[in-house]
C-alpha atoms as a PDB file:
ATOM      1  CA  MET A   1    -101.307  29.656 124.653  1.00  0.00           C
ATOM      2  CA  THR A   2    -101.259  33.570 124.199  1.00  0.00           C
ATOM      3  CA  PRO A   3    -100.950  35.072 120.622  1.00  0.00           C
ATOM      4  CA  SER A   4     -97.478  36.442 121.782  1.00  0.00           C
ATOM      5  CA  GLN A   5     -96.328  33.039 122.857  1.00  0.00           C
ATOM      6  CA  VAL A   6     -97.365  31.677 119.420  1.00  0.00           C
ATOM      7  CA  ALA A   7     -95.510  34.249 117.654  1.00  0.00           C
ATOM      8  CA  LEU A   8     -92.674  33.233 119.688  1.00  0.00           C
ATOM      9  CA  LEU A   9     -92.734  29.593 118.560  1.00  0.00           C
ATOM     10  CA  MET A  10     -93.273  30.548 115.171  1.00  0.00           C
ATOM     11  CA  ARG A  11     -90.155  32.575 114.876  1.00  0.00           C
ATOM     12  CA  HIS A  12     -88.290  30.247 116.725  1.00  0.00           C
ATOM     13  CA  PHE A  13     -88.944  27.034 114.993  1.00  0.00           C
ATOM     14  CA  GLY A  14     -89.028  28.846 111.470  1.00  0.00           C
ATOM     15  CA  GLY A  15     -92.385  28.030 110.320  1.00  0.00           C
ATOM     16  CA  GLU A  16     -91.763  24.238 110.966  1.00  0.00           C
ATOM     17  CA  GLU A  17     -94.931  21.852 111.778  1.00  0.00           C
ATOM     18  CA  LEU A  18     -94.819  21.425 115.595  1.00  0.00           C
ATOM     19  CA  TYR A  19     -96.845  19.223 117.766  1.00  0.00           C
ATOM     20  CA  ILE A  20     -97.669  20.241 121.075  1.00  0.00           C
ATOM     21  CA  PRO A  21     -99.312  17.799 123.332  1.00  0.00           C
ATOM     22  CA  ARG A  22    -102.607  18.873 125.686  1.00  0.00           C
ATOM     23  CA  CYS A  23    -101.630  16.139 128.253  1.00  0.00           C
ATOM     24  CA  ASP A  24    -105.301  15.779 129.116  1.00  0.00           C
ATOM     25  CA  LYS A  25    -104.794  12.546 131.150  1.00  0.00           C
ATOM     26  CA  ALA A  26    -102.209  14.172 133.442  1.00  0.00           C
ATOM     27  CA  TRP A  27    -104.042  17.429 133.546  1.00  0.00           C
ATOM     28  CA  ARG A  28    -107.411  15.345 134.632  1.00  0.00           C
ATOM     29  CA  ALA A  29    -105.538  13.377 137.156  1.00  0.00           C
ATOM     30  CA  TRP A  30    -104.396  16.646 138.907  1.00  0.00           C
ATOM     31  CA  ARG A  31    -107.752  17.986 138.485  1.00  0.00           C
ATOM     32  CA  ASN A  32    -109.471  14.795 140.108  1.00  0.00           C
ATOM     33  CA  ARG A  33    -107.088  15.065 143.177  1.00  0.00           C
ATOM     34  CA  CYS A  34    -107.314  18.647 143.852  1.00  0.00           C
ATOM     35  CA  PHE A  35    -111.267  18.087 143.655  1.00  0.00           C
ATOM     36  CA  LEU A  36    -111.004  15.116 145.952  1.00  0.00           C
ATOM     37  CA  ALA A  37    -108.739  16.858 148.680  1.00  0.00           C
ATOM     38  CA  GLU A  38    -111.058  19.867 148.518  1.00  0.00           C
ATOM     39  CA  LEU A  39    -113.921  17.621 148.662  1.00  0.00           C
ATOM     40  CA  ASP A  40    -112.317  16.065 151.842  1.00  0.00           C
ATOM     41  CA  ARG A  41    -111.701  19.510 153.272  1.00  0.00           C
ATOM     42  CA  LEU A  42    -115.509  20.498 153.044  1.00  0.00           C
ATOM     43  CA  ARG A  43    -116.615  17.551 154.641  1.00  0.00           C
ATOM     44  CA  ALA A  44    -113.993  18.010 157.394  1.00  0.00           C
ATOM     45  CA  GLN A  45    -115.702  21.250 157.978  1.00  0.00           C
ATOM     46  CA  GLY A  46    -119.200  19.526 158.497  1.00  0.00           C
ATOM     47  CA  GLU A  47    -120.465  19.906 154.930  1.00  0.00           C
ATOM     48  CA  SER A  48    -122.557  17.173 153.750  1.00  0.00           C
ATOM     49  CA  THR A  49    -121.199  15.268 150.599  1.00  0.00           C
ATOM     50  CA  THR A  50    -124.159  16.196 148.550  1.00  0.00           C
ATOM     51  CA  MET A  51    -123.521  20.348 149.199  1.00  0.00           C
ATOM     52  CA  ALA A  52    -119.910  19.907 148.828  1.00  0.00           C
ATOM     53  CA  LEU A  53    -120.528  18.313 145.329  1.00  0.00           C
ATOM     54  CA  THR A  54    -122.843  21.004 144.430  1.00  0.00           C
ATOM     55  CA  LEU A  55    -120.315  23.493 145.523  1.00  0.00           C
ATOM     56  CA  LEU A  56    -117.076  21.849 143.726  1.00  0.00           C
ATOM     57  CA  CYS A  57    -118.667  20.257 140.330  1.00  0.00           C
ATOM     58  CA  PRO A  58    -119.226  23.735 138.735  1.00  0.00           C
ATOM     59  CA  ARG A  59    -115.868  24.918 139.746  1.00  0.00           C
ATOM     60  CA  TYR A  60    -113.868  21.861 138.789  1.00  0.00           C
ATOM     61  CA  GLY A  61    -115.898  21.289 135.395  1.00  0.00           C
ATOM     62  CA  ILE A  62    -116.924  17.936 136.629  1.00  0.00           C
ATOM     63  CA  ALA A  63    -120.364  16.623 135.844  1.00  0.00           C
ATOM     64  CA  ALA A  64    -122.060  15.236 138.917  1.00  0.00           C
ATOM     65  CA  THR A  65    -122.218  11.598 137.891  1.00  0.00           C
ATOM     66  CA  ARG A  66    -118.556  11.538 137.160  1.00  0.00           C
ATOM     67  CA  ALA A  67    -117.951  13.358 140.627  1.00  0.00           C
ATOM     68  CA  ARG A  68    -119.883  10.536 142.649  1.00  0.00           C
ATOM     69  CA  GLU A  69    -117.597   7.761 140.601  1.00  0.00           C
ATOM     70  CA  LEU A  70    -114.208   9.638 141.801  1.00  0.00           C
ATOM     71  CA  VAL A  71    -115.912   9.764 145.597  1.00  0.00           C
ATOM     72  CA  ARG A  72    -117.135   5.879 145.228  1.00  0.00           C
ATOM     73  CA  LYS A  73    -113.551   4.817 143.941  1.00  0.00           C
ATOM     74  CA  LEU A  74    -112.384   6.665 146.732  1.00  0.00           C
ATOM     75  CA  GLN A  75    -114.358   5.112 149.474  1.00  0.00           C
ATOM     76  CA  ILE A  76    -113.845   1.332 147.973  1.00  0.00           C
ATOM     77  CA  PRO A  77    -111.337  -0.388 150.179  1.00  0.00           C
ATOM     78  CA  THR A  78    -108.498  -2.292 147.901  1.00  0.00           C
ATOM     79  CA  TYR A  79    -107.347  -5.273 149.290  1.00  0.00           C
ATOM     80  CA  PRO A  80    -104.307  -7.369 148.031  1.00  0.00           C
ATOM     81  CA  ILE A  81    -105.994 -10.551 146.557  1.00  0.00           C
ATOM     82  CA  SER A  82    -104.503 -13.709 145.807  1.00  0.00           C
ATOM     83  CA  CYS A  83    -106.081 -16.058 143.243  1.00  0.00           C
ATOM     84  CA  SER A  84    -104.194 -18.946 144.445  1.00  0.00           C
ATOM     85  CA  GLY A  85    -105.212 -21.161 147.124  1.00  0.00           C
ATOM     86  CA  ASP A  86    -108.611 -21.689 148.644  1.00  0.00           C
ATOM     87  CA  ILE A  87    -111.740 -19.170 148.052  1.00  0.00           C
ATOM     88  CA  ARG A  88    -112.633 -19.457 151.735  1.00  0.00           C
ATOM     89  CA  SER A  89    -109.161 -17.766 152.833  1.00  0.00           C
ATOM     90  CA  VAL A  90    -109.964 -15.062 150.271  1.00  0.00           C
ATOM     91  CA  ILE A  91    -113.464 -14.664 151.203  1.00  0.00           C
ATOM     92  CA  PRO A  92    -114.653 -15.384 154.861  1.00  0.00           C
ATOM     93  CA  ILE A  93    -118.148 -16.010 154.162  1.00  0.00           C
ATOM     94  CA  PHE A  94    -117.650 -18.972 152.032  1.00  0.00           C
ATOM     95  CA  SER A  95    -116.035 -20.438 155.087  1.00  0.00           C
ATOM     96  CA  ASP A  96    -119.260 -21.510 156.729  1.00  0.00           C
ATOM     97  CA  HIS A  97    -120.999 -22.439 153.295  1.00  0.00           C
ATOM     98  CA  PRO A  98    -123.248 -25.530 153.583  1.00  0.00           C
ATOM     99  CA  PHE A  99    -122.083 -27.019 150.376  1.00  0.00           C
ATOM    100  CA  GLN A 100    -118.300 -27.624 151.218  1.00  0.00           C
END
């Protein structure tokens, strides 16, 4: 907040103690979505993932390790998994297992 905005709030609330949340979680989620969208745009333009991360990490204030985590999460397919029933129906590799 600018000093004039702080002064305006102080005048409005008459010196009462006031808590203003930073909304870090929401801000981080928004930043990550923007980061991933721009990463996708650069890759669609033919840029390698490594070069795109080199360009974007400093711009978005994201460490390279965190950026790679975000990319990895984006690439992991999510499947609806049911924990009931036979494991062979969930994981096909077990259908031909010799120890059935």
